[in-house]
Amino acid sequence: MDVIYGLIPMMLVFGFLVVVVFIWMAKTGHFDDLDGAANRIFMDDEYPEDLKKTSDKVLEVETTLDDRSKEKKGGDKKLD
């Protein structure tokens, strides 16, 4: 019976916090677009011009990494 005296106020405080968080989320717009995330999987967000830009960036990064690895290998050799 003594446990109930602690649990009831604790559950009331917890319930109040849940209501406050729910109101805060509703005011900040977390529930505005419920279908957007579900339908986003069906949308194509890759256009040919975007793919070309990203592929150019990937090639540039790969080339830079290859150059760095060659420099590192060449720098480790001892000259006699």
N, C-alpha and C. Protein backbone atom coordinates (compact mmCIF):
# COMPACT_ATOMS: atom_id res chain seq x y z
N MET A 1 0.82 -1.20 0.00
CA MET A 1 0.00 0.00 0.00
C MET A 1 0.86 1.26 0.00
N ASP A 2 2.02 1.18 0.65
CA ASP A 2 2.91 2.33 0.70
C ASP A 2 3.46 2.68 -0.68
N VAL A 3 3.60 1.67 -1.55
CA VAL A 3 4.13 1.90 -2.89
C VAL A 3 3.18 2.76 -3.70
N ILE A 4 1.89 2.59 -3.51
CA ILE A 4 0.90 3.36 -4.26
C ILE A 4 1.03 4.84 -3.97
N TYR A 5 1.37 5.20 -2.75
CA TYR A 5 1.54 6.61 -2.39
C TYR A 5 2.69 7.26 -3.16
N GLY A 6 3.65 6.48 -3.59
CA GLY A 6 4.74 7.01 -4.41
C GLY A 6 4.45 6.94 -5.90
N LEU A 7 3.75 5.87 -6.31
CA LEU A 7 3.49 5.67 -7.73
C LEU A 7 2.46 6.64 -8.30
N ILE A 8 1.43 6.95 -7.54
CA ILE A 8 0.38 7.83 -8.05
C ILE A 8 0.94 9.22 -8.38
N PRO A 9 1.65 9.90 -7.47
CA PRO A 9 2.22 11.20 -7.85
C PRO A 9 3.23 11.10 -8.99
N MET A 10 4.01 10.02 -9.01
CA MET A 10 5.00 9.85 -10.07
C MET A 10 4.31 9.70 -11.43
N MET A 11 3.23 8.95 -11.50
CA MET A 11 2.51 8.77 -12.76
C MET A 11 1.80 10.06 -13.18
N LEU A 12 1.33 10.84 -12.23
CA LEU A 12 0.72 12.13 -12.57
C LEU A 12 1.75 13.09 -13.16
N VAL A 13 2.94 13.13 -12.58
CA VAL A 13 4.01 13.98 -13.11
C VAL A 13 4.42 13.50 -14.49
N PHE A 14 4.57 12.18 -14.65
CA PHE A 14 4.94 11.62 -15.95
C PHE A 14 3.89 11.92 -17.01
N GLY A 15 2.60 11.78 -16.66
CA GLY A 15 1.52 12.08 -17.59
C GLY A 15 1.51 13.55 -17.98
N PHE A 16 1.77 14.44 -17.01
CA PHE A 16 1.85 15.87 -17.31
C PHE A 16 2.99 16.16 -18.27
N LEU A 17 4.15 15.52 -18.07
CA LEU A 17 5.29 15.73 -18.97
C LEU A 17 4.98 15.23 -20.38
N VAL A 18 4.28 14.13 -20.49
CA VAL A 18 3.91 13.60 -21.81
C VAL A 18 3.00 14.58 -22.54
N VAL A 19 2.03 15.14 -21.82
CA VAL A 19 1.12 16.11 -22.44
C VAL A 19 1.88 17.36 -22.87
N VAL A 20 2.81 17.83 -22.04
CA VAL A 20 3.59 19.02 -22.37
C VAL A 20 4.45 18.77 -23.62
N VAL A 21 5.09 17.61 -23.68
CA VAL A 21 5.92 17.28 -24.85
C VAL A 21 5.06 17.16 -26.11
N PHE A 22 3.88 16.56 -25.98
CA PHE A 22 2.98 16.43 -27.13
C PHE A 22 2.56 17.81 -27.64
N ILE A 23 2.19 18.71 -26.74
CA ILE A 23 1.79 20.06 -27.15
C ILE A 23 2.96 20.78 -27.81
N TRP A 24 4.15 20.65 -27.23
CA TRP A 24 5.33 21.30 -27.81
C TRP A 24 5.60 20.77 -29.22
N MET A 25 5.50 19.45 -29.42
CA MET A 25 5.73 18.87 -30.74
C MET A 25 4.67 19.33 -31.74
N ALA A 26 3.44 19.46 -31.30
CA ALA A 26 2.38 19.91 -32.20
C ALA A 26 2.60 21.37 -32.62
N LYS A 27 3.07 22.19 -31.69
CA LYS A 27 3.30 23.60 -32.02
C LYS A 27 4.53 23.80 -32.91
N THR A 28 5.52 22.94 -32.81
CA THR A 28 6.73 23.11 -33.62
C THR A 28 6.63 22.45 -34.98
N GLY A 29 5.51 21.76 -35.27
CA GLY A 29 5.28 21.25 -36.61
C GLY A 29 5.74 19.83 -36.86
N HIS A 30 5.92 19.04 -35.83
CA HIS A 30 6.35 17.66 -36.03
C HIS A 30 5.28 16.79 -36.65
N PHE A 31 4.03 17.18 -36.55
CA PHE A 31 2.93 16.37 -37.08
C PHE A 31 2.31 16.98 -38.33
N ASP A 32 2.97 17.92 -38.97
CA ASP A 32 2.40 18.60 -40.13
C ASP A 32 2.34 17.71 -41.37
N ASP A 33 3.38 16.94 -41.64
CA ASP A 33 3.46 16.15 -42.87
C ASP A 33 3.65 14.68 -42.54
N LEU A 34 2.55 14.00 -42.25
CA LEU A 34 2.64 12.59 -41.86
C LEU A 34 2.80 11.67 -43.07
N ASP A 35 2.28 12.08 -44.23
CA ASP A 35 2.35 11.23 -45.42
C ASP A 35 3.62 11.47 -46.24
N GLY A 36 4.31 12.54 -46.01
CA GLY A 36 5.49 12.88 -46.81
C GLY A 36 6.58 11.84 -46.70
N ALA A 37 6.88 11.40 -45.48
CA ALA A 37 7.94 10.42 -45.30
C ALA A 37 7.55 9.07 -45.90
N ALA A 38 6.27 8.73 -45.83
CA ALA A 38 5.81 7.46 -46.38
C ALA A 38 5.85 7.46 -47.90
N ASN A 39 5.58 8.59 -48.53
CA ASN A 39 5.55 8.68 -49.99
C ASN A 39 6.90 9.04 -50.59
N ARG A 40 7.84 9.45 -49.77
CA ARG A 40 9.14 9.88 -50.28
C ARG A 40 9.90 8.72 -50.94
N ILE A 41 9.59 7.50 -50.56
CA ILE A 41 10.28 6.36 -51.15
C ILE A 41 9.92 6.20 -52.63
N PHE A 42 8.77 6.68 -53.04
CA PHE A 42 8.34 6.55 -54.42
C PHE A 42 8.86 7.66 -55.33
N MET A 43 9.46 8.68 -54.77
CA MET A 43 9.91 9.84 -55.55
C MET A 43 11.35 9.62 -56.02
N ASP A 44 11.61 10.00 -57.26
CA ASP A 44 12.96 9.95 -57.78
C ASP A 44 13.67 11.24 -57.44
N ASP A 45 14.74 11.14 -56.68
CA ASP A 45 15.47 12.34 -56.34
C ASP A 45 16.83 12.38 -57.03
N GLU A 46 17.06 11.46 -57.94
CA GLU A 46 18.31 11.44 -58.68
C GLU A 46 18.03 11.82 -60.13
N TYR A 47 18.55 12.94 -60.53
CA TYR A 47 18.42 13.41 -61.90
C TYR A 47 19.75 13.20 -62.62
N PRO A 48 19.74 13.04 -63.93
CA PRO A 48 20.99 12.77 -64.65
C PRO A 48 22.08 13.81 -64.39
N GLU A 49 21.70 15.09 -64.30
CA GLU A 49 22.74 16.10 -64.06
C GLU A 49 23.31 15.99 -62.65
N ASP A 50 22.49 15.56 -61.68
CA ASP A 50 23.00 15.36 -60.33
C ASP A 50 23.93 14.15 -60.28
N LEU A 51 23.57 13.10 -61.03
CA LEU A 51 24.41 11.91 -61.06
C LEU A 51 25.77 12.22 -61.66
N LYS A 52 25.81 13.06 -62.70
CA LYS A 52 27.07 13.42 -63.33
C LYS A 52 27.96 14.19 -62.36
N LYS A 53 27.36 15.12 -61.61
CA LYS A 53 28.13 15.90 -60.64
C LYS A 53 28.70 15.00 -59.56
N THR A 54 27.89 14.07 -59.05
CA THR A 54 28.38 13.21 -57.98
C THR A 54 29.42 12.24 -58.50
N SER A 55 29.26 11.75 -59.73
CA SER A 55 30.26 10.83 -60.27
C SER A 55 31.58 11.55 -60.50
N ASP A 56 31.53 12.82 -60.93
CA ASP A 56 32.76 13.60 -61.09
C ASP A 56 33.45 13.79 -59.75
N LYS A 57 32.67 14.05 -58.71
CA LYS A 57 33.25 14.24 -57.38
C LYS A 57 33.87 12.94 -56.88
N VAL A 58 33.21 11.82 -57.13
CA VAL A 58 33.73 10.53 -56.70
C VAL A 58 35.04 10.24 -57.41
N LEU A 59 35.10 10.49 -58.72
CA LEU A 59 36.34 10.27 -59.46
C LEU A 59 37.46 11.18 -58.95
N GLU A 60 37.12 12.41 -58.61
CA GLU A 60 38.12 13.35 -58.09
C GLU A 60 38.66 12.86 -56.74
N VAL A 61 37.80 12.38 -55.89
CA VAL A 61 38.23 11.88 -54.59
C VAL A 61 39.08 10.63 -54.75
N GLU A 62 38.66 9.72 -55.64
CA GLU A 62 39.43 8.50 -55.87
C GLU A 62 40.81 8.83 -56.42
N THR A 63 40.89 9.78 -57.34
CA THR A 63 42.17 10.18 -57.91
C THR A 63 43.07 10.78 -56.83
N THR A 64 42.50 11.61 -55.98
CA THR A 64 43.27 12.21 -54.89
C THR A 64 43.78 11.15 -53.93
N LEU A 65 42.94 10.18 -53.61
CA LEU A 65 43.36 9.11 -52.70
C LEU A 65 44.44 8.25 -53.33
N ASP A 66 44.33 7.97 -54.64
CA ASP A 66 45.35 7.20 -55.33
C ASP A 66 46.69 7.95 -55.33
N ASP A 67 46.65 9.25 -55.58
CA ASP A 67 47.88 10.05 -55.56
C ASP A 67 48.52 10.04 -54.19
N ARG A 68 47.71 10.14 -53.15
CA ARG A 68 48.25 10.14 -51.79
C ARG A 68 48.89 8.79 -51.45
N SER A 69 48.25 7.71 -51.88
CA SER A 69 48.81 6.39 -51.58
C SER A 69 50.12 6.16 -52.34
N LYS A 70 50.21 6.69 -53.57
CA LYS A 70 51.46 6.57 -54.33
C LYS A 70 52.57 7.38 -53.68
N GLU A 71 52.23 8.58 -53.19
CA GLU A 71 53.22 9.41 -52.51
C GLU A 71 53.70 8.74 -51.24
N LYS A 72 52.78 8.11 -50.53
CA LYS A 72 53.14 7.45 -49.28
C LYS A 72 54.05 6.26 -49.56
N LYS A 73 53.73 5.50 -50.57
CA LYS A 73 54.57 4.35 -50.93
C LYS A 73 55.95 4.81 -51.38
N GLY A 74 56.00 5.85 -52.16
CA GLY A 74 57.27 6.37 -52.65
C GLY A 74 58.09 6.99 -51.54
N GLY A 75 57.46 7.56 -50.53
CA GLY A 75 58.17 8.20 -49.44
C GLY A 75 58.77 7.21 -48.45
N ASP A 76 58.24 5.96 -48.44
CA ASP A 76 58.72 4.96 -47.52
C ASP A 76 60.02 4.29 -48.00
N LYS A 77 60.33 4.41 -49.30
CA LYS A 77 61.51 3.75 -49.85
C LYS A 77 62.78 4.46 -49.40
N LYS A 78 63.77 3.66 -49.08
CA LYS A 78 65.06 4.22 -48.70
C LYS A 78 65.94 4.31 -49.92
N LEU A 79 66.62 5.43 -50.05
CA LEU A 79 67.54 5.59 -51.18
C LEU A 79 68.93 5.13 -50.75
N ASP A 80 69.58 4.31 -51.58
CA ASP A 80 70.93 3.83 -51.26
C ASP A 80 71.96 4.62 -52.00
